[in-house]
N, C-alpha and C. Protein backbone atom coordinates (compact mmCIF):
# COMPACT_ATOMS: atom_id res chain seq x y z
N MET A 1 35.70 -196.83 -4.82
CA MET A 1 34.30 -197.46 -4.26
C MET A 1 34.71 -198.67 -3.94
N GLN A 2 34.55 -199.30 -2.87
CA GLN A 2 34.54 -201.13 -3.12
C GLN A 2 33.32 -201.45 -3.08
N GLN A 3 33.81 -202.62 -4.25
CA GLN A 3 32.79 -203.66 -4.64
C GLN A 3 31.69 -204.42 -3.95
N SER A 4 31.82 -204.29 -3.05
CA SER A 4 30.88 -204.48 -1.72
C SER A 4 30.06 -203.40 -1.55
N GLU A 5 30.29 -201.99 -2.31
CA GLU A 5 28.72 -200.97 -2.37
C GLU A 5 28.10 -200.95 -3.27
N LEU A 6 28.73 -201.41 -4.42
CA LEU A 6 28.05 -201.63 -5.37
C LEU A 6 26.18 -202.15 -5.48
N PRO A 7 26.10 -203.30 -5.02
CA PRO A 7 25.06 -203.68 -4.72
C PRO A 7 23.96 -202.63 -3.79
N PHE A 8 24.63 -201.93 -2.74
CA PHE A 8 23.42 -201.03 -2.10
C PHE A 8 23.51 -200.01 -2.53
N ASN A 9 24.34 -199.49 -3.61
CA ASN A 9 23.93 -198.32 -4.07
C ASN A 9 22.82 -198.37 -5.26
N SER A 10 22.90 -200.08 -6.03
CA SER A 10 21.98 -200.36 -7.02
C SER A 10 20.49 -199.71 -6.00
N LEU A 11 20.66 -200.75 -5.10
CA LEU A 11 19.08 -200.59 -4.10
C LEU A 11 18.74 -199.78 -3.59
N CYS A 12 19.84 -198.17 -3.40
CA CYS A 12 19.92 -197.05 -2.97
C CYS A 12 18.47 -196.41 -4.23
N THR A 13 19.86 -196.64 -5.58
CA THR A 13 19.32 -195.98 -6.67
C THR A 13 17.43 -196.63 -6.90
N THR A 14 17.12 -198.02 -6.86
CA THR A 14 15.84 -198.36 -7.73
C THR A 14 15.03 -197.54 -6.14
N GLN A 15 15.47 -197.69 -4.81
CA GLN A 15 14.66 -197.00 -3.83
C GLN A 15 14.26 -195.30 -4.29
N ILE A 16 14.97 -194.41 -4.50
CA ILE A 16 14.99 -193.59 -4.83
C ILE A 16 13.97 -193.30 -6.12
N HIS A 17 13.86 -194.31 -6.99
CA HIS A 17 13.34 -194.09 -8.02
C HIS A 17 11.61 -194.35 -7.94
N LEU A 18 11.69 -195.49 -6.70
CA LEU A 18 10.15 -195.83 -6.59
C LEU A 18 9.63 -194.78 -5.40
N ALA A 19 10.34 -194.03 -4.86
CA ALA A 19 9.86 -192.90 -4.17
C ALA A 19 9.04 -191.57 -4.79
N GLU A 20 9.88 -191.61 -5.59
CA GLU A 20 9.89 -190.63 -6.63
C GLU A 20 8.66 -190.65 -7.76
N ARG A 21 8.57 -192.00 -7.99
CA ARG A 21 7.09 -192.22 -8.64
C ARG A 21 6.09 -192.25 -7.80
N GLU A 22 5.98 -192.49 -6.31
CA GLU A 22 4.85 -192.87 -5.79
C GLU A 22 4.73 -191.43 -5.58
N LEU A 23 5.46 -190.41 -4.92
CA LEU A 23 5.13 -188.99 -4.93
C LEU A 23 4.72 -188.90 -5.80
N SER A 24 5.17 -188.94 -7.16
CA SER A 24 4.42 -187.86 -8.12
C SER A 24 3.17 -188.44 -8.83
N THR A 25 2.86 -189.68 -8.40
CA THR A 25 1.61 -189.86 -8.35
C THR A 25 0.68 -189.99 -7.79
N PHE A 26 1.01 -189.69 -6.30
CA PHE A 26 0.23 -189.10 -5.23
C PHE A 26 -0.42 -187.52 -5.69
N LEU A 27 1.06 -186.69 -6.01
CA LEU A 27 0.71 -185.29 -6.09
C LEU A 27 -0.22 -185.45 -7.58
N ALA A 28 0.06 -185.76 -8.64
CA ALA A 28 -0.74 -185.66 -9.27
C ALA A 28 -2.66 -186.10 -9.32
N ALA A 29 -2.56 -186.98 -8.45
CA ALA A 29 -4.02 -187.21 -8.33
C ALA A 29 -4.38 -186.25 -7.30
N VAL A 30 -3.70 -185.72 -6.51
CA VAL A 30 -4.27 -184.47 -5.59
C VAL A 30 -4.16 -182.83 -6.30
N VAL A 31 -3.44 -182.85 -7.26
CA VAL A 31 -3.71 -181.34 -8.09
C VAL A 31 -5.26 -181.96 -9.18
N GLN A 32 -4.91 -182.92 -9.21
CA GLN A 32 -6.35 -182.93 -10.25
C GLN A 32 -7.63 -182.87 -9.53
N LEU A 33 -7.47 -183.37 -8.26
CA LEU A 33 -8.81 -183.91 -7.72
C LEU A 33 -9.10 -182.20 -6.66
N PHE A 34 -8.63 -181.80 -6.02
CA PHE A 34 -8.11 -180.73 -5.01
C PHE A 34 -7.68 -179.94 -4.84
N GLY A 35 -6.16 -179.80 -6.41
CA GLY A 35 -5.97 -178.56 -6.49
C GLY A 35 -4.56 -178.39 -6.17
N ALA A 36 -4.12 -177.06 -6.45
CA ALA A 36 -2.30 -176.79 -6.24
C ALA A 36 -2.03 -176.56 -4.95
N ASP A 37 -2.89 -176.05 -4.39
CA ASP A 37 -2.68 -175.58 -2.90
C ASP A 37 -2.73 -176.89 -1.79
N GLN A 38 -3.85 -177.85 -2.32
CA GLN A 38 -3.64 -178.98 -1.37
C GLN A 38 -2.24 -179.90 -1.72
N ALA A 39 -1.81 -179.85 -3.21
CA ALA A 39 -0.88 -180.22 -3.32
C ALA A 39 0.50 -180.12 -3.01
N ARG A 40 0.36 -178.55 -2.42
CA ARG A 40 1.47 -178.17 -1.65
C ARG A 40 1.61 -178.56 0.07
N LEU A 41 0.36 -178.67 -0.11
CA LEU A 41 0.40 -179.05 1.51
C LEU A 41 0.74 -180.45 1.95
N SER A 42 0.10 -181.46 0.91
CA SER A 42 0.49 -182.99 0.56
C SER A 42 2.17 -183.07 0.74
N ILE A 43 2.33 -182.55 -0.03
CA ILE A 43 4.22 -182.97 0.29
C ILE A 43 4.17 -182.80 1.13
N GLU A 44 4.39 -181.49 2.16
CA GLU A 44 4.51 -181.85 3.31
C GLU A 44 3.99 -182.97 3.98
N ASP A 45 3.51 -182.88 3.72
CA ASP A 45 2.53 -184.29 4.65
C ASP A 45 2.92 -185.69 4.31
N TRP A 46 3.67 -185.64 2.68
CA TRP A 46 4.18 -187.03 2.29
C TRP A 46 5.53 -187.52 3.58
N LEU A 47 6.40 -186.15 3.10
CA LEU A 47 7.67 -186.16 4.10
C LEU A 47 7.27 -186.27 5.22
N ASN A 48 6.92 -185.87 5.63
CA ASN A 48 6.58 -185.29 7.32
C ASN A 48 6.29 -187.20 7.72
N GLU A 49 5.66 -188.15 6.76
CA GLU A 49 5.17 -189.65 6.95
C GLU A 49 6.55 -190.12 6.57
N LEU A 50 7.40 -189.45 5.68
CA LEU A 50 8.31 -190.82 5.45
C LEU A 50 9.33 -190.19 6.50
N GLU A 51 9.38 -189.07 7.46
CA GLU A 51 10.48 -189.10 8.27
C GLU A 51 9.85 -190.31 9.46
N LEU A 52 8.34 -189.97 9.88
CA LEU A 52 7.95 -191.32 10.78
C LEU A 52 8.13 -192.58 10.51
N MET A 53 9.02 -193.04 9.34
CA MET A 53 9.07 -194.42 9.31
C MET A 53 9.97 -194.70 10.13
N ASP A 54 9.89 -196.12 10.78
CA ASP A 54 11.21 -196.50 11.40
C ASP A 54 11.72 -197.97 11.26
N ILE A 55 12.70 -196.83 9.80
CA ILE A 55 13.07 -197.60 9.18
C ILE A 55 14.47 -197.45 9.30
N SER A 56 15.68 -198.17 9.61
CA SER A 56 17.21 -197.57 9.21
C SER A 56 17.05 -197.61 7.76
N PRO A 57 18.35 -196.36 8.12
CA PRO A 57 18.59 -195.72 6.62
C PRO A 57 18.80 -196.59 5.71
N ARG A 58 19.76 -197.74 6.10
CA ARG A 58 20.81 -198.97 5.45
C ARG A 58 19.73 -199.72 4.85
N SER A 59 18.31 -199.71 5.42
CA SER A 59 17.40 -200.73 4.82
C SER A 59 17.00 -201.10 3.11
N THR A 60 17.15 -202.42 2.67
CA THR A 60 16.94 -202.55 1.26
C THR A 60 15.16 -202.59 1.08
N ARG A 61 14.43 -202.40 1.71
CA ARG A 61 12.99 -202.18 1.53
C ARG A 61 12.40 -200.86 2.25
N ARG A 62 11.32 -200.69 1.43
CA ARG A 62 10.62 -199.31 2.05
C ARG A 62 9.08 -199.29 1.37
N ASP A 63 8.17 -199.54 2.00
CA ASP A 63 6.96 -199.49 1.37
C ASP A 63 6.61 -197.76 1.32
N TRP A 64 6.80 -197.35 0.53
CA TRP A 64 6.53 -196.24 -0.30
C TRP A 64 4.74 -195.83 -0.08
N ARG A 65 3.92 -196.77 -0.28
CA ARG A 65 2.42 -197.07 -0.27
C ARG A 65 2.59 -196.70 1.11
N THR A 66 2.66 -196.71 2.13
CA THR A 66 2.05 -196.54 3.38
C THR A 66 2.48 -195.21 3.44
N ILE A 67 3.19 -194.51 3.17
CA ILE A 67 3.83 -193.27 2.90
C ILE A 67 2.38 -192.72 2.54
N THR A 68 2.47 -192.87 1.49
CA THR A 68 1.13 -192.10 0.80
C THR A 68 -0.71 -192.46 1.44
N ILE A 69 -0.21 -193.18 1.87
CA ILE A 69 -1.89 -193.54 2.95
C ILE A 69 -1.85 -192.92 4.14
N GLY A 70 -0.47 -192.55 4.73
CA GLY A 70 -0.34 -191.60 5.62
C GLY A 70 -0.91 -190.43 4.94
N ALA A 71 -0.06 -189.76 4.42
CA ALA A 71 -0.64 -188.87 3.72
C ALA A 71 -1.55 -188.37 3.61
N SER A 72 -2.49 -188.86 2.60
CA SER A 72 -4.09 -189.15 2.08
C SER A 72 -4.58 -189.44 2.85
N VAL A 73 -4.33 -189.75 4.88
CA VAL A 73 -5.40 -189.61 5.62
C VAL A 73 -5.05 -188.34 6.12
N ARG A 74 -3.88 -187.84 5.93
CA ARG A 74 -3.42 -186.32 6.73
C ARG A 74 -4.48 -185.24 5.68
N LEU A 75 -4.37 -185.68 4.37
CA LEU A 75 -5.23 -184.59 3.48
C LEU A 75 -6.85 -184.60 3.54
N ALA A 76 -7.16 -185.70 3.90
CA ALA A 76 -8.57 -186.32 3.85
C ALA A 76 -8.68 -185.38 5.38
N ASN A 77 -8.04 -185.79 6.65
CA ASN A 77 -8.82 -184.95 7.82
C ASN A 77 -8.93 -183.27 7.87
N ARG A 78 -7.64 -182.73 6.96
CA ARG A 78 -7.81 -181.51 6.18
C ARG A 78 -8.86 -180.94 5.68
N LEU A 79 -9.40 -181.71 4.55
CA LEU A 79 -11.02 -181.23 4.11
C LEU A 79 -11.77 -181.55 4.79
N ASN A 80 -12.03 -182.55 5.44
CA ASN A 80 -12.75 -182.98 6.44
C ASN A 80 -12.86 -181.39 7.36
N VAL A 81 -12.26 -181.07 8.11
CA VAL A 81 -11.96 -180.35 9.08
C VAL A 81 -12.61 -178.59 8.04
N ARG A 82 -11.96 -178.09 6.92
CA ARG A 82 -12.67 -177.23 6.47
C ARG A 82 -13.92 -177.24 6.00
N SER A 83 -14.64 -178.70 5.32
CA SER A 83 -16.05 -178.47 5.24
C SER A 83 -17.15 -178.02 6.13
N GLN A 84 -16.29 -179.01 7.02
CA GLN A 84 -17.19 -179.17 8.70
C GLN A 84 -17.42 -177.23 9.15
N GLY A 85 -16.13 -176.56 8.57
CA GLY A 85 -16.69 -175.11 9.25
C GLY A 85 -17.17 -174.76 9.08
N GLY A 86 -17.69 -174.97 7.61
CA GLY A 86 -18.55 -173.89 6.36
C GLY A 86 -17.45 -173.44 5.51
N HIS A 87 -16.10 -173.75 5.13
CA HIS A 87 -15.47 -173.38 4.17
C HIS A 87 -14.84 -174.84 3.39
N GLY A 88 -15.13 -174.56 2.05
CA GLY A 88 -14.94 -175.37 1.01
C GLY A 88 -16.24 -176.48 1.05
N ARG A 89 -15.84 -177.44 0.01
CA ARG A 89 -16.91 -178.47 -0.26
C ARG A 89 -16.78 -179.69 0.36
N THR A 90 -18.10 -180.25 0.20
CA THR A 90 -17.98 -181.77 1.30
C THR A 90 -16.82 -182.62 -0.19
N VAL A 91 -16.19 -183.37 0.48
CA VAL A 91 -15.16 -183.99 -0.20
C VAL A 91 -15.58 -185.88 -0.08
N SER A 92 -15.67 -186.53 -0.70
CA SER A 92 -15.54 -187.66 -0.91
C SER A 92 -14.64 -188.30 -1.83
N PHE A 93 -13.95 -188.99 -1.86
CA PHE A 93 -12.77 -190.05 -2.27
C PHE A 93 -12.68 -191.59 -1.70
N THR A 94 -12.22 -192.03 -2.46
CA THR A 94 -11.72 -193.97 -2.06
C THR A 94 -10.14 -193.92 -1.93
N LEU A 95 -9.78 -194.49 -0.73
CA LEU A 95 -8.10 -195.15 -0.91
C LEU A 95 -8.37 -196.18 -1.40
N PRO A 96 -6.91 -196.67 -2.03
CA PRO A 96 -7.24 -197.76 -2.34
C PRO A 96 -6.98 -198.58 -1.26
N VAL A 97 -7.38 -199.96 -1.92
CA VAL A 97 -7.52 -200.78 -0.86
C VAL A 97 -6.10 -201.82 -0.51
N CYS A 98 -5.73 -202.16 0.97
CA CYS A 98 -4.67 -202.27 1.01
C CYS A 98 -4.78 -203.64 1.98
N ARG A 99 -4.25 -204.91 1.18
CA ARG A 99 -4.57 -206.03 2.44
C ARG A 99 -3.89 -205.81 3.86
N GLU A 100 -4.43 -206.99 5.04
CA GLU A 100 -4.18 -206.87 6.19
C GLU A 100 -2.98 -207.12 6.23
N SER A 101 -2.27 -208.20 5.67
CA SER A 101 -0.94 -208.34 5.32
C SER A 101 -0.13 -207.49 5.78
N SER A 102 -0.63 -206.33 4.64
CA SER A 102 0.42 -205.22 4.46
C SER A 102 0.53 -204.21 5.91
N LEU A 103 -0.80 -204.13 6.02
CA LEU A 103 -0.85 -203.12 7.79
C LEU A 103 0.41 -203.40 8.49
N PRO A 104 0.56 -202.34 8.59
CA PRO A 104 1.98 -202.13 10.32
C PRO A 104 1.13 -202.79 11.48
N ALA A 105 1.92 -202.98 11.91
CA ALA A 105 1.55 -203.94 13.47
C ALA A 105 0.78 -203.69 13.87
N GLY A 106 -0.36 -203.83 14.67
CA GLY A 106 -1.32 -203.12 15.52
C GLY A 106 -3.09 -202.78 15.28
N LEU A 107 -2.79 -202.50 13.17
CA LEU A 107 -3.66 -202.12 12.49
C LEU A 107 -4.17 -203.22 12.20
N ASN A 108 -4.29 -204.59 12.35
CA ASN A 108 -4.88 -205.54 11.95
C ASN A 108 -6.45 -205.81 12.62
N THR A 109 -6.94 -206.11 11.54
CA THR A 109 -8.61 -205.82 12.73
C THR A 109 -9.24 -207.53 12.78
N THR A 110 -8.02 -208.52 12.42
CA THR A 110 -7.71 -209.78 12.64
C THR A 110 -7.34 -210.14 14.07
N SER A 111 -6.30 -208.99 14.73
CA SER A 111 -5.75 -209.76 15.57
C SER A 111 -6.41 -209.56 17.20
């Protein structure tokens, strides 16, 4: 292994740990609030959101919380459809607040 690859590998390891922590925290909350079935679907949602990220694979920074927010929106939409169809219960929960400066381009409300 070349010496120049060491910092990149260290960054990859850090990013993997951050992603694992973000996903496991999200899934623990989903299991606690909505059960294992919704958690299984939310894993797919989270991975689908990850695939939609427009970032180079060699990027040194990823915003894992953005992926979780996207998966949370999918979960909320899924639960909303179920409750409107007369199946399941009405669900209400609060998503974490994010600063507008951290929103993707086009989502800032002040522009």
